[in-house]
């Protein structure tokens, strides 16, 4: 099995230490993501792995053979690099541009062989760019050009494919397409990619290596085990909440800025939401220094996952169960104890109708803020016509806000009046 191994790699630019004691192994059959904050040395690390830079301590080995002992030609045959660049340097056709990947195998004045043409055609097929082969490479869109650059790298027939931020400057669809492509390529090649988006890494990578602030490995392993909130806060200085990904068996993360040092607002805000609709509200309130409570939420709810990751108190019910009378009474008490109640409109059935009933009963006794982001409530009513009137009644007695920024402004005004 092909592998590339780093052992104690260190590097500095002048007096600035960038990498310190980096050790790990990347293997064929894996998509490995290299993560870390800006300026932590990710690109430098990739260039050392590719042989463009020599480590000032430690070593890099390709299949147990020191990279320092490999000729430039042999390196080019073993690894291919897609750098962070979305411009084609020459006005070539796509086919000729991809053919440049065969350069390490062509001698001086040697013409391309049938095998070279077959490799280029296969590289175009693998990247879904065959239909572009006659186009001018300089006329391609960002997503098209990124695929063509990967095709050129594949034409080198590398054991190791290295990419520096392959989704940079692309829209979300093209980002997902590129990550899905790399995931497929990793089945037969060791793919190593510098990635900024932690959720892309969590969803597509078999393994992640996180570079910490001191230039050492802060985490190495399966994404869901490595990318936990404590590590993310330590490395990236943001709060993170881990929630289930409905589109995959893995989890994804929502982020918020940490509270300022004067964060504790001394005010509790209770959030009525569900199904993931309130996760950004919960995160923003927590990051702004409010004490956040939530519920009633069923166990396994996306909003509950966010709240629990942030240490927020919650009233919970078993999955798919109805809110009991006791839970409804407890919810009323929590709402009355809170400085404000925030309602995020979500579909309501008989199981969670008691949430609206509790808020409706305390409206007028407690400040209620309503996220006014829907045009009507009949479409949210799955409780035989009982939910929509409650929504309308709550809305009439509430302060209406359109977005999170507006919500925080209203809460700050409420808080300052009560100080």
Protein backbone atom coordinates (compact mmCIF):
# COMPACT_ATOMS: atom_id res chain seq x y z
CA UNK A 1 0.00 0.00 0.00
CA UNK A 2 1.34 3.42 -0.97
CA UNK A 3 1.98 5.79 1.91
CA UNK A 4 3.74 9.06 2.62
CA UNK A 5 5.22 9.49 6.10
CA UNK A 6 6.30 12.62 7.94
CA UNK A 7 8.53 12.20 10.98
CA UNK A 8 9.31 15.16 13.23
CA UNK A 9 9.06 17.75 10.45
CA UNK A 10 9.94 21.31 11.48
CA UNK A 11 10.19 24.48 9.43
CA UNK A 12 10.71 28.18 10.05
CA UNK A 13 10.83 31.34 7.97
CA UNK A 14 13.72 33.28 9.46
CA UNK A 15 13.07 33.48 13.19
CA UNK A 16 9.38 32.57 12.83
CA UNK A 17 8.70 28.93 13.64
CA UNK A 18 5.88 27.63 11.45
CA UNK A 19 5.91 23.85 11.90
CA UNK A 20 7.19 21.96 14.92
CA UNK A 21 7.53 18.18 15.21
CA UNK A 22 4.90 17.20 12.64
CA UNK A 23 4.49 13.41 12.35
CA UNK A 24 1.78 11.43 10.55
CA UNK A 25 1.25 8.99 7.68
CA UNK A 26 -1.15 9.33 4.73
CA UNK A 27 -2.21 6.14 2.98
CA UNK A 28 -3.71 4.98 -0.28
CA UNK A 29 -7.47 4.62 -0.02
CA UNK A 30 -7.90 7.66 2.26
CA UNK A 31 -8.91 11.26 1.76
CA UNK A 32 -6.91 13.16 4.36
CA UNK A 33 -7.83 16.74 5.22
CA UNK A 34 -5.26 19.16 6.64
CA UNK A 35 -6.98 21.80 8.77
CA UNK A 36 -5.96 24.79 10.82
CA UNK A 37 -6.46 28.53 11.15
CA UNK A 38 -5.02 30.97 8.62
CA UNK A 39 -1.26 31.27 8.82
CA UNK A 40 -0.73 28.06 10.79
CA UNK A 41 1.46 26.51 8.06
CA UNK A 42 -0.95 24.27 6.15
CA UNK A 43 0.30 25.30 2.70
CA UNK A 44 3.90 25.14 3.89
CA UNK A 45 3.26 21.63 5.15
CA UNK A 46 1.76 20.58 1.81
CA UNK A 47 4.76 22.03 -0.07
CA UNK A 48 7.12 20.11 2.19
CA UNK A 49 5.18 16.93 1.53
CA UNK A 50 5.38 17.62 -2.21
CA UNK A 51 9.13 18.18 -2.08
CA UNK A 52 8.99 21.86 -3.04
CA UNK A 53 10.45 22.80 0.36
CA UNK A 54 12.95 20.88 2.46
CA UNK A 55 12.19 20.50 6.17
CA UNK A 56 14.77 22.02 8.48
CA UNK A 57 14.33 19.06 10.79
CA UNK A 58 12.68 15.69 10.39
CA UNK A 59 11.96 13.82 7.19
CA UNK A 60 9.42 12.97 4.51
CA UNK A 61 9.35 9.50 2.94
CA UNK A 62 7.45 8.09 -0.02
CA UNK A 63 6.83 4.39 0.50
CA UNK A 64 9.70 4.33 3.01
CA UNK A 65 12.06 6.04 0.55
CA UNK A 66 13.30 9.46 1.73
CA UNK A 67 11.90 12.19 -0.50
CA UNK A 68 15.27 13.93 -0.40
CA UNK A 69 16.74 10.99 -2.32
CA UNK A 70 14.17 11.12 -5.12
CA UNK A 71 14.92 12.99 -8.34
CA UNK A 72 12.58 15.77 -9.45
CA UNK A 73 11.43 13.55 -12.32
CA UNK A 74 10.66 10.62 -10.02
CA UNK A 75 8.83 12.89 -7.58
CA UNK A 76 6.70 14.22 -10.43
CA UNK A 77 5.78 10.65 -11.34
CA UNK A 78 4.86 9.73 -7.75
CA UNK A 79 2.91 12.77 -6.66
CA UNK A 80 0.81 15.45 -8.33
CA UNK A 81 0.01 18.83 -6.82
CA UNK A 82 -2.96 21.10 -7.51
CA UNK A 83 -2.05 24.48 -6.09
CA UNK A 84 -4.43 27.22 -5.01
CA UNK A 85 -4.82 28.87 -8.39
CA UNK A 86 -7.78 29.15 -10.70
CA UNK A 87 -6.09 30.55 -13.80
CA UNK A 88 -4.65 28.63 -16.72
CA UNK A 89 -1.18 29.92 -17.59
CA UNK A 90 -1.42 29.30 -21.33
CA UNK A 91 -4.06 29.47 -24.03
CA UNK A 92 -4.20 25.70 -24.52
CA UNK A 93 -7.15 23.53 -25.31
CA UNK A 94 -8.30 21.54 -22.30
CA UNK A 95 -6.97 18.33 -23.85
CA UNK A 96 -3.50 19.84 -24.42
CA UNK A 97 -3.56 21.38 -20.95
CA UNK A 98 -4.24 18.00 -19.36
CA UNK A 99 -1.55 16.44 -21.57
CA UNK A 100 0.98 18.60 -19.68
CA UNK A 101 0.54 16.09 -16.89
CA UNK A 102 2.39 13.54 -19.03
CA UNK A 103 5.57 15.69 -19.06
CA UNK A 104 7.39 13.60 -16.38
CA UNK A 105 7.13 10.57 -18.64
CA UNK A 106 8.23 12.19 -21.90
CA UNK A 107 11.88 12.43 -22.82
CA UNK A 108 13.36 15.38 -24.66
CA UNK A 109 11.90 15.68 -28.18
CA UNK A 110 9.81 12.57 -27.52
CA UNK A 111 6.29 12.52 -28.94
CA UNK A 112 3.21 11.41 -27.02
CA UNK A 113 2.35 7.73 -27.33
CA UNK A 114 -0.99 6.01 -27.54
CA UNK A 115 -0.67 5.30 -23.80
CA UNK A 116 -0.29 9.03 -23.09
CA UNK A 117 -3.47 9.80 -25.02
CA UNK A 118 -5.32 7.02 -23.23
CA UNK A 119 -4.21 8.36 -19.82
CA UNK A 120 -5.42 11.87 -20.70
CA UNK A 121 -8.76 10.55 -21.90
CA UNK A 122 -9.19 8.56 -18.69
CA UNK A 123 -8.27 11.59 -16.58
CA UNK A 124 -10.90 13.65 -18.40
CA UNK A 125 -13.45 10.90 -17.87
CA UNK A 126 -12.73 10.56 -14.15
CA UNK A 127 -13.16 14.30 -13.61
CA UNK A 128 -16.24 14.61 -15.82
CA UNK A 129 -14.51 17.02 -18.22
CA UNK A 130 -14.46 15.02 -21.48
CA UNK A 131 -17.03 17.38 -22.98
CA UNK A 132 -14.64 20.29 -22.36
CA UNK A 133 -11.61 18.81 -24.13
CA UNK A 134 -11.80 21.10 -27.18
CA UNK A 135 -12.51 24.25 -25.17
CA UNK A 136 -9.88 26.89 -24.50
CA UNK A 137 -8.71 26.34 -20.92
CA UNK A 138 -8.71 30.08 -20.33
CA UNK A 139 -12.45 30.30 -21.06
CA UNK A 140 -13.60 27.88 -18.34
CA UNK A 141 -15.60 28.72 -15.25
CA UNK A 142 -14.03 28.28 -11.83
CA UNK A 143 -15.64 24.90 -11.20
CA UNK A 144 -14.75 23.63 -14.68
CA UNK A 145 -11.15 24.81 -14.40
CA UNK A 146 -10.71 23.21 -10.98
CA UNK A 147 -11.79 19.86 -12.42
CA UNK A 148 -9.46 20.30 -15.39
CA UNK A 149 -6.54 21.09 -13.06
CA UNK A 150 -7.31 17.88 -11.16
CA UNK A 151 -7.46 16.03 -14.48
CA UNK A 152 -4.01 17.32 -15.38
CA UNK A 153 -2.73 16.11 -12.00
CA UNK A 154 -4.29 12.68 -12.56
CA UNK A 155 -2.57 12.48 -15.94
CA UNK A 156 0.68 12.18 -13.98
CA UNK A 157 -0.65 8.82 -12.75
CA UNK A 158 0.38 9.76 -9.20
CA UNK A 159 0.38 7.56 -6.14
CA UNK A 160 -0.30 10.72 -4.11
CA UNK A 161 -2.62 13.59 -5.09
CA UNK A 162 -2.08 16.80 -3.10
CA UNK A 163 -4.39 19.82 -3.28
CA UNK A 164 -4.24 23.24 -1.65
CA UNK A 165 -7.74 24.47 -0.85
CA UNK A 166 -9.42 22.83 -3.86
CA UNK A 167 -12.80 24.45 -3.10
CA UNK A 168 -11.55 28.03 -2.67
CA UNK A 169 -13.45 30.64 -4.73
CA UNK A 170 -16.14 28.14 -5.79
CA UNK A 171 -19.87 28.35 -5.10
CA UNK A 172 -21.41 25.76 -2.79
CA UNK A 173 -22.55 23.36 -5.54
CA UNK A 174 -19.09 23.28 -7.13
CA UNK A 175 -17.52 22.87 -3.70
CA UNK A 176 -19.62 19.79 -3.03
CA UNK A 177 -18.93 18.41 -6.51
CA UNK A 178 -15.15 18.79 -6.04
CA UNK A 179 -15.22 17.19 -2.59
CA UNK A 180 -17.33 14.33 -3.91
CA UNK A 181 -14.85 13.88 -6.77
CA UNK A 182 -11.89 13.75 -4.37
CA UNK A 183 -13.74 11.25 -2.20
CA UNK A 184 -14.11 8.97 -5.20
CA UNK A 185 -10.49 9.39 -6.31
CA UNK A 186 -9.27 8.48 -2.83
CA UNK A 187 -10.44 4.91 -3.32
CA UNK A 188 -7.37 4.22 -5.49
CA UNK A 189 -5.04 7.11 -4.59
CA UNK A 190 -3.79 8.74 -1.42
CA UNK A 191 -5.50 12.15 -1.56
CA UNK A 192 -4.26 14.90 0.76
CA UNK A 193 -6.05 18.26 0.73
CA UNK A 194 -5.72 21.49 2.66
CA UNK A 195 -9.33 22.34 3.55
CA UNK A 196 -10.79 25.44 5.20
CA UNK A 197 -14.39 24.29 5.57
CA UNK A 198 -14.62 22.05 8.64
CA UNK A 199 -17.99 20.69 7.54
CA UNK A 200 -16.58 19.62 4.15
CA UNK A 201 -13.76 17.89 6.01
CA UNK A 202 -16.17 16.23 8.45
CA UNK A 203 -18.44 14.99 5.69
CA UNK A 204 -15.97 13.83 3.04
CA UNK A 205 -12.62 13.05 4.69
CA UNK A 206 -11.66 9.67 6.08
CA UNK A 207 -9.18 11.38 8.34
CA UNK A 208 -8.28 14.90 9.41
CA UNK A 209 -5.03 16.35 10.70
CA UNK A 210 -5.44 19.62 12.60
CA UNK A 211 -2.43 21.94 12.90
CA UNK A 212 -2.51 23.94 16.12
CA UNK A 213 -1.27 27.43 16.84
CA UNK A 214 2.21 26.29 17.84
CA UNK A 215 2.74 24.48 14.55
CA UNK A 216 2.24 21.00 15.97
CA UNK A 217 -0.48 18.41 15.42
CA UNK A 218 -3.46 19.29 17.60
CA UNK A 219 -5.64 16.45 16.34
CA UNK A 220 -5.31 13.43 14.08
CA UNK A 221 -7.98 10.85 13.33
CA UNK A 222 -11.57 10.27 12.25
CA UNK A 223 -13.35 13.63 11.75
CA UNK A 224 -16.21 13.06 14.19
CA UNK A 225 -13.73 12.10 16.91
CA UNK A 226 -11.23 14.90 16.24
CA UNK A 227 -13.48 17.85 15.42
CA UNK A 228 -15.13 18.18 18.82
CA UNK A 229 -16.14 21.59 20.22
CA UNK A 230 -13.21 21.84 22.66
CA UNK A 231 -10.58 21.35 19.95
CA UNK A 232 -12.36 23.73 17.56
CA UNK A 233 -12.51 26.42 20.23
CA UNK A 234 -8.84 25.92 21.11
CA UNK A 235 -7.58 25.96 17.51
CA UNK A 236 -10.00 28.31 15.75
CA UNK A 237 -11.23 30.49 18.65
CA UNK A 238 -14.92 29.91 17.89
CA UNK A 239 -17.72 28.13 19.66
CA UNK A 240 -18.96 25.02 17.87
CA UNK A 241 -21.98 22.80 18.26
CA UNK A 242 -22.09 19.31 16.75
CA UNK A 243 -25.40 18.19 15.29
CA UNK A 244 -26.44 15.16 13.22
CA UNK A 245 -26.20 15.57 9.44
CA UNK A 246 -29.53 14.46 7.95
CA UNK A 247 -27.84 13.80 4.59
CA UNK A 248 -25.09 11.51 5.89
CA UNK A 249 -24.21 9.29 8.86
CA UNK A 250 -21.68 11.89 9.99
CA UNK A 251 -22.29 15.07 11.95
CA UNK A 252 -21.84 18.69 10.99
CA UNK A 253 -21.04 21.79 12.99
CA UNK A 254 -22.53 25.22 13.55
CA UNK A 255 -20.28 28.02 14.72
CA UNK A 256 -20.50 31.28 16.63
CA UNK A 257 -18.05 33.82 17.91
CA UNK A 258 -17.15 33.41 21.58
CA UNK A 259 -18.69 35.83 24.01
CA UNK A 260 -16.76 38.96 24.85
CA UNK A 261 -14.98 39.09 28.19
CA UNK A 262 -17.89 41.15 29.52
CA UNK A 263 -20.28 38.62 28.05
CA UNK A 264 -22.55 37.60 30.92
CA UNK A 265 -25.64 39.72 30.30
CA UNK A 266 -27.29 38.51 33.49
CA UNK A 267 -30.44 37.66 31.54
CA UNK A 268 -32.01 34.34 30.58
CA UNK A 269 -33.65 33.87 27.19
CA UNK A 270 -35.86 30.86 26.54
CA UNK A 271 -36.08 29.62 22.94
CA UNK A 272 -39.06 27.79 21.46
CA UNK A 273 -37.99 26.09 18.23
CA UNK A 274 -37.24 22.66 16.81
CA UNK A 275 -35.96 20.65 13.89
CA UNK A 276 -32.83 22.75 13.46
CA UNK A 277 -34.70 26.02 12.84
CA UNK A 278 -33.37 27.54 16.06
CA UNK A 279 -29.76 26.38 16.09
CA UNK A 280 -28.34 29.69 14.82
CA UNK A 281 -30.53 31.64 17.24
CA UNK A 282 -29.35 29.49 20.16
CA UNK A 283 -25.69 29.81 19.12
CA UNK A 284 -25.92 33.59 18.61
CA UNK A 285 -27.64 34.16 21.96
CA UNK A 286 -25.09 32.02 23.78
CA UNK A 287 -22.18 33.78 22.05
CA UNK A 288 -23.65 37.16 23.02
CA UNK A 289 -23.58 36.29 26.70
CA UNK A 290 -27.21 35.40 27.39
CA UNK A 291 -28.14 32.42 29.52
CA UNK A 292 -30.09 30.28 27.07
CA UNK A 293 -32.70 27.67 27.89
CA UNK A 294 -34.64 25.63 25.33
CA UNK A 295 -37.54 23.23 25.03
CA UNK A 296 -39.61 21.30 25.09
CA UNK A 297 -37.54 19.42 22.49
CA UNK A 298 -37.53 15.74 21.61
CA UNK A 299 -34.31 13.85 22.19
CA UNK A 300 -32.33 13.75 18.94
CA UNK A 301 -33.65 17.13 17.75
CA UNK A 302 -31.05 19.23 15.92
CA UNK A 303 -31.75 22.27 18.10
CA UNK A 304 -31.31 20.17 21.23
CA UNK A 305 -27.95 18.95 19.94
CA UNK A 306 -26.81 22.55 19.49
CA UNK A 307 -28.05 23.59 22.93
CA UNK A 308 -26.42 20.64 24.70
CA UNK A 309 -23.11 21.28 22.92
CA UNK A 310 -23.16 24.81 24.35
CA UNK A 311 -24.15 23.67 27.84
CA UNK A 312 -27.66 25.18 27.71
CA UNK A 313 -30.39 23.80 29.96
CA UNK A 314 -33.28 22.10 28.18
CA UNK A 315 -36.65 20.50 28.81
CA UNK A 316 -36.65 17.27 26.83
CA UNK A 317 -39.08 14.56 25.85
CA UNK A 318 -38.48 11.09 24.41
CA UNK A 319 -38.32 10.85 20.60
CA UNK A 320 -41.71 11.13 18.81
CA UNK A 321 -43.59 11.53 22.10
CA UNK A 322 -46.15 14.18 23.03
CA UNK A 323 -45.36 16.90 25.52
CA UNK A 324 -46.94 15.90 28.82
CA UNK A 325 -49.00 18.14 31.08
CA UNK A 326 -46.14 18.21 33.58
CA UNK A 327 -43.68 19.28 30.92
CA UNK A 328 -46.09 21.98 29.75
CA UNK A 329 -46.35 23.32 33.30
CA UNK A 330 -42.57 23.29 33.66
CA UNK A 331 -42.25 25.13 30.34
CA UNK A 332 -44.64 27.86 31.53
CA UNK A 333 -42.49 28.32 34.65
CA UNK A 334 -39.29 28.51 32.60
CA UNK A 335 -40.86 31.10 30.32
CA UNK A 336 -42.01 33.22 33.26
CA UNK A 337 -38.56 32.98 34.88
CA UNK A 338 -36.80 34.06 31.67
CA UNK A 339 -36.16 37.68 30.81
CA UNK A 340 -37.56 37.03 27.33
CA UNK A 341 -38.97 34.21 25.25
CA UNK A 342 -37.98 33.81 21.59
CA UNK A 343 -40.34 31.93 19.30
CA UNK A 344 -38.97 30.51 16.05
CA UNK A 345 -41.88 29.32 13.85
CA UNK A 346 -41.66 25.61 13.04
CA UNK A 347 -44.19 22.97 11.93
CA UNK A 348 -46.41 22.05 14.88
CA UNK A 349 -48.32 18.82 15.39
CA UNK A 350 -50.24 17.42 18.31
CA UNK A 351 -46.99 16.25 19.88
CA UNK A 352 -45.46 19.71 20.32
CA UNK A 353 -48.63 21.83 20.36
CA UNK A 354 -48.14 22.34 24.11
CA UNK A 355 -45.12 24.55 23.34
CA UNK A 356 -47.38 27.12 21.68
CA UNK A 357 -50.06 26.75 24.35
CA UNK A 358 -47.52 27.49 27.09
CA UNK A 359 -46.13 30.57 25.32
CA UNK A 360 -49.63 31.79 24.50
CA UNK A 361 -50.58 31.57 28.18
CA UNK A 362 -47.62 33.69 29.33
CA UNK A 363 -47.78 36.26 26.52
CA UNK A 364 -48.39 39.62 28.13
CA UNK A 365 -46.73 38.51 31.37
CA UNK A 366 -43.35 38.05 29.78
CA UNK A 367 -41.64 39.69 26.80
CA UNK A 368 -42.01 37.48 23.76
CA UNK A 369 -39.96 38.00 20.62
CA UNK A 370 -41.26 36.40 17.45
CA UNK A 371 -38.99 35.55 14.51
CA UNK A 372 -41.32 36.90 11.83
CA UNK A 373 -39.79 34.96 8.93
CA UNK A 374 -42.81 33.16 7.45
CA UNK A 375 -45.72 34.55 5.45
CA UNK A 376 -48.42 32.41 7.05
CA UNK A 377 -49.03 29.76 9.66
CA UNK A 378 -51.57 27.43 8.07
CA UNK A 379 -48.75 25.54 6.36
CA UNK A 380 -47.11 24.98 9.75
CA UNK A 381 -50.31 23.69 11.33
CA UNK A 382 -50.38 19.89 11.57
CA UNK A 383 -52.59 19.91 14.66
CA UNK A 384 -56.04 19.96 13.08
CA UNK A 385 -56.18 23.74 12.85
CA UNK A 386 -55.18 24.41 16.46
CA UNK A 387 -51.63 25.66 15.88
CA UNK A 388 -52.22 28.52 13.43
CA UNK A 389 -54.54 30.50 15.78
CA UNK A 390 -51.99 30.11 18.59
CA UNK A 391 -49.23 31.39 16.32
CA UNK A 392 -51.37 34.40 15.37
CA UNK A 393 -52.26 35.11 18.99
CA UNK A 394 -48.63 34.94 20.13
CA UNK A 395 -47.56 37.17 17.25
CA UNK A 396 -50.07 39.86 18.16
CA UNK A 397 -48.54 40.24 21.64
CA UNK A 398 -44.90 39.86 20.59
CA UNK A 399 -42.07 42.03 19.43
CA UNK A 400 -41.37 41.05 15.83
CA UNK A 401 -37.84 40.63 14.46
CA UNK A 402 -36.69 39.58 11.00
CA UNK A 403 -33.18 38.23 11.65
CA UNK A 404 -30.64 37.46 14.34
CA UNK A 405 -29.04 40.91 14.20
CA UNK A 406 -32.44 42.49 14.81
CA UNK A 407 -33.10 39.98 17.61
CA UNK A 408 -29.89 40.90 19.44
CA UNK A 409 -30.67 44.61 19.13
CA UNK A 410 -34.13 44.13 20.67
CA UNK A 411 -32.79 41.97 23.49
CA UNK A 412 -30.08 44.49 24.32
CA UNK A 413 -32.67 47.25 24.48
CA UNK A 414 -34.83 45.10 26.81
CA UNK A 415 -31.86 44.26 28.98
CA UNK A 416 -30.65 47.87 29.28
CA UNK A 417 -34.11 49.03 30.41
CA UNK A 418 -34.14 46.46 33.20
CA UNK A 419 -30.60 47.09 34.46
